[in-house]
Amino acid sequence: METPRFTHDCTNCLFLGHYSCDFGYKNYDLYVCRNKDDDDCYVARYGDDGNDYMAFSNDDYGNEPQHPLREARQRYLKMHMESHYGKLLD
């Protein structure tokens, strides 16, 4: 099982795995922050410092197909669907 590379101390966040791409900082730890009162927020952490991350709650990531927040959202939605409907075919 993968473990995060970077320190992340939000107790509401669920780790979704590592992601490497040609966008931005290249290597990320992906999370979904599941708040009871707000929409889910997707997080891509790229370092250990407190502000070494990007986060966004909706699905508008422009025209960048490798955007790490897009990948975090896709991973969470797939995991959520599989937990409700069983393993889906890729």
Protein backbone atom coordinates (compact mmCIF):
# COMPACT_ATOMS: atom_id res chain seq x y z
CA MET A 1 0.00 0.00 0.00
CA GLU A 2 1.27 3.44 -0.90
CA THR A 3 1.96 5.98 1.80
CA PRO A 4 2.21 9.76 1.32
CA ARG A 5 5.60 11.21 0.38
CA PHE A 6 4.83 14.62 1.86
CA THR A 7 3.56 15.66 5.29
CA HIS A 8 -0.16 16.44 5.30
CA ASP A 9 -1.97 16.99 8.58
CA CYS A 10 -5.64 17.45 7.63
CA THR A 11 -7.66 14.77 9.41
CA ASN A 12 -10.54 15.15 6.92
CA CYS A 13 -8.36 14.16 3.96
CA LEU A 14 -8.29 10.73 2.37
CA PHE A 15 -5.03 9.81 0.61
CA LEU A 16 -5.61 8.78 -3.03
CA GLY A 17 -2.04 7.88 -3.98
CA HIS A 18 0.95 9.35 -5.79
CA TYR A 19 0.78 11.06 -9.15
CA SER A 20 3.59 12.02 -11.52
CA CYS A 21 3.10 14.15 -14.62
CA ASP A 22 4.63 16.88 -16.75
CA PHE A 23 2.42 19.55 -15.14
CA GLY A 24 3.80 21.97 -12.55
CA TYR A 25 5.85 20.36 -9.78
CA LYS A 26 5.85 16.90 -11.44
CA ASN A 27 5.28 14.73 -8.31
CA TYR A 28 2.22 14.93 -6.10
CA ASP A 29 0.37 13.22 -3.28
CA LEU A 30 -3.35 13.33 -4.08
CA TYR A 31 -6.17 13.66 -1.54
CA VAL A 32 -9.85 14.33 -1.28
CA CYS A 33 -10.89 16.47 1.69
CA ARG A 34 -14.32 15.26 2.74
CA ASN A 35 -16.00 18.04 4.70
CA LYS A 36 -19.46 17.49 6.13
CA ASP A 37 -20.62 21.06 5.52
CA ASP A 38 -18.95 21.81 2.17
CA ASP A 39 -18.37 20.14 -1.17
CA ASP A 40 -15.47 17.72 -1.44
CA CYS A 41 -12.17 19.47 -2.11
CA TYR A 42 -9.36 17.88 -4.11
CA VAL A 43 -5.79 18.42 -2.93
CA ALA A 44 -2.45 17.90 -4.69
CA ARG A 45 0.49 18.23 -2.28
CA TYR A 46 3.98 18.71 -3.76
CA GLY A 47 6.12 19.39 -0.67
CA ASP A 48 6.29 19.29 3.12
CA ASP A 49 5.85 23.02 3.81
CA GLY A 50 2.37 24.02 4.93
CA ASN A 51 1.55 25.87 1.72
CA ASP A 52 3.08 23.34 -0.71
CA TYR A 53 -0.22 22.24 -2.21
CA MET A 54 -3.01 23.22 -4.56
CA ALA A 55 -6.69 22.62 -3.88
CA PHE A 56 -9.98 23.16 -5.66
CA SER A 57 -13.54 22.01 -5.05
CA ASN A 58 -15.05 22.00 -8.53
CA ASP A 59 -14.08 20.27 -11.75
CA ASP A 60 -12.91 23.18 -13.92
CA TYR A 61 -9.20 22.58 -14.47
CA GLY A 62 -8.97 24.29 -17.83
CA ASN A 63 -7.55 22.48 -20.82
CA GLU A 64 -4.78 20.67 -18.92
CA PRO A 65 -5.46 16.91 -19.22
CA GLN A 66 -2.65 16.04 -16.75
CA HIS A 67 -3.76 18.47 -14.05
CA PRO A 68 -3.21 16.74 -10.68
CA LEU A 69 -6.53 17.99 -9.27
CA ARG A 70 -8.34 16.46 -12.26
CA GLU A 71 -6.57 13.17 -11.51
CA ALA A 72 -7.49 13.38 -7.81
CA ARG A 73 -11.15 13.91 -8.68
CA GLN A 74 -11.17 11.02 -11.17
CA ARG A 75 -9.55 8.66 -8.64
CA TYR A 76 -11.99 9.59 -5.91
CA LEU A 77 -15.04 9.27 -8.15
CA LYS A 78 -13.86 5.85 -9.36
CA MET A 79 -13.21 4.70 -5.79
CA HIS A 80 -16.61 6.02 -4.69
CA MET A 81 -18.42 4.28 -7.55
CA GLU A 82 -16.60 0.98 -6.92
CA SER A 83 -17.47 1.09 -3.22
CA HIS A 84 -21.16 1.46 -4.09
CA TYR A 85 -21.43 -0.67 -7.23
CA GLY A 86 -18.48 -3.06 -7.10
CA LYS A 87 -15.33 -3.17 -9.21
CA LEU A 88 -15.91 -1.61 -12.62
CA LEU A 89 -14.19 -2.64 -15.82
CA ASP A 90 -11.39 -0.35 -16.95
